[in-house]
């Protein structure tokens, strides 16, 4: 079945570790630089960060990566295409920063 390896901000090894452990796809968040998904076929999908809606500001970044991965997983399970999964996840992660925790 499909497996997803997830790397944390900075990409300093999480993605590679996932690939070595048998993940078919590797998803890495890069904070303000966006995110990247590398598939087992070697396809690379980059997602720029989604700007916050007008009137919102970053309050706390805690949990933004968790929210990103949960949103990606939800879209993936809903069989959205990978670009749409990344965009949805990026938007969810961005919105998570507008609240504490």
Protein backbone atom coordinates (compact mmCIF):
# COMPACT_ATOMS: atom_id res chain seq x y z
CA UNK A 1 0.00 0.00 0.00
CA UNK A 2 0.92 3.67 -0.07
CA UNK A 3 3.28 4.84 2.64
CA UNK A 4 4.16 8.41 3.46
CA UNK A 5 7.38 9.49 5.16
CA UNK A 6 7.28 12.91 6.80
CA UNK A 7 10.19 15.20 7.47
CA UNK A 8 10.22 18.17 9.76
CA UNK A 9 11.14 21.74 9.11
CA UNK A 10 14.57 22.22 7.60
CA UNK A 11 14.56 18.85 5.85
CA UNK A 12 17.74 17.87 7.67
CA UNK A 13 17.26 14.15 7.38
CA UNK A 14 13.62 13.33 8.03
CA UNK A 15 12.94 12.78 4.36
CA UNK A 16 15.97 10.58 3.78
CA UNK A 17 15.22 8.51 6.86
CA UNK A 18 11.67 7.91 5.61
CA UNK A 19 12.93 6.75 2.24
CA UNK A 20 15.39 4.33 3.85
CA UNK A 21 12.61 2.88 6.01
CA UNK A 22 10.47 2.04 2.99
CA UNK A 23 8.29 5.12 2.54
CA UNK A 24 7.06 5.42 -1.02
CA UNK A 25 6.58 9.19 -0.83
CA UNK A 26 8.47 11.72 1.29
CA UNK A 27 6.85 14.94 2.49
CA UNK A 28 8.99 17.72 4.00
CA UNK A 29 7.85 21.04 5.45
CA UNK A 30 10.24 23.95 5.05
CA UNK A 31 8.58 26.62 7.19
CA UNK A 32 8.47 29.97 5.42
CA UNK A 33 10.02 28.33 2.35
CA UNK A 34 6.98 26.11 1.74
CA UNK A 35 7.05 22.34 1.37
CA UNK A 36 8.15 19.60 -0.97
CA UNK A 37 6.87 16.13 -1.81
CA UNK A 38 9.09 13.56 -3.50
CA UNK A 39 7.32 10.48 -4.84
CA UNK A 40 8.68 6.97 -5.32
CA UNK A 41 8.58 7.65 -9.07
CA UNK A 42 11.00 10.54 -8.53
CA UNK A 43 8.42 13.27 -9.14
CA UNK A 44 9.06 16.39 -7.07
CA UNK A 45 6.24 18.76 -6.13
CA UNK A 46 7.07 22.13 -4.56
CA UNK A 47 4.48 24.22 -2.76
CA UNK A 48 5.08 27.86 -1.95
CA UNK A 49 3.73 28.97 1.41
CA UNK A 50 0.14 30.19 1.39
CA UNK A 51 -0.14 33.77 2.66
CA UNK A 52 -2.42 34.44 5.59
CA UNK A 53 -5.76 36.09 4.86
CA UNK A 54 -5.89 39.87 5.26
CA UNK A 55 -6.19 40.84 8.89
CA UNK A 56 -4.54 37.68 10.24
CA UNK A 57 -1.04 37.42 11.66
CA UNK A 58 1.21 34.69 12.99
CA UNK A 59 0.57 34.22 16.71
CA UNK A 60 2.22 30.85 17.38
CA UNK A 61 3.86 28.33 15.06
CA UNK A 62 3.43 25.42 17.48
CA UNK A 63 1.53 22.62 15.78
CA UNK A 64 1.62 24.13 12.28
CA UNK A 65 3.58 21.17 10.90
CA UNK A 66 1.24 18.69 12.57
CA UNK A 67 -1.75 20.52 11.11
CA UNK A 68 -0.04 20.54 7.69
CA UNK A 69 0.52 16.77 7.76
CA UNK A 70 -2.99 16.04 9.02
CA UNK A 71 -4.50 18.17 6.25
CA UNK A 72 -2.28 16.52 3.64
CA UNK A 73 -3.33 13.08 4.89
CA UNK A 74 -7.01 14.06 4.77
CA UNK A 75 -6.75 15.30 1.18
CA UNK A 76 -4.67 12.23 0.22
CA UNK A 77 -7.27 9.85 1.68
CA UNK A 78 -9.94 11.82 -0.20
CA UNK A 79 -7.96 10.98 -3.38
CA UNK A 80 -7.13 14.57 -4.28
CA UNK A 81 -4.20 14.98 -6.65
CA UNK A 82 -0.84 15.54 -4.97
CA UNK A 83 -0.60 19.21 -5.91
CA UNK A 84 -4.02 19.84 -4.37
CA UNK A 85 -2.99 17.90 -1.24
CA UNK A 86 0.05 20.16 -0.85
CA UNK A 87 -1.93 23.34 -1.38
CA UNK A 88 -4.63 22.31 1.11
CA UNK A 89 -2.00 21.31 3.66
CA UNK A 90 -0.11 24.56 3.21
CA UNK A 91 -3.26 26.60 3.77
CA UNK A 92 -4.16 24.58 6.88
CA UNK A 93 -0.66 24.91 8.32
CA UNK A 94 -0.69 28.65 7.71
CA UNK A 95 -4.06 29.08 9.42
CA UNK A 96 -2.84 27.05 12.39
CA UNK A 97 -0.29 29.78 13.12
CA UNK A 98 -3.03 32.34 13.75
CA UNK A 99 -3.95 30.75 17.12
CA UNK A 100 -2.02 29.77 20.23
CA UNK A 101 -0.84 26.16 20.34
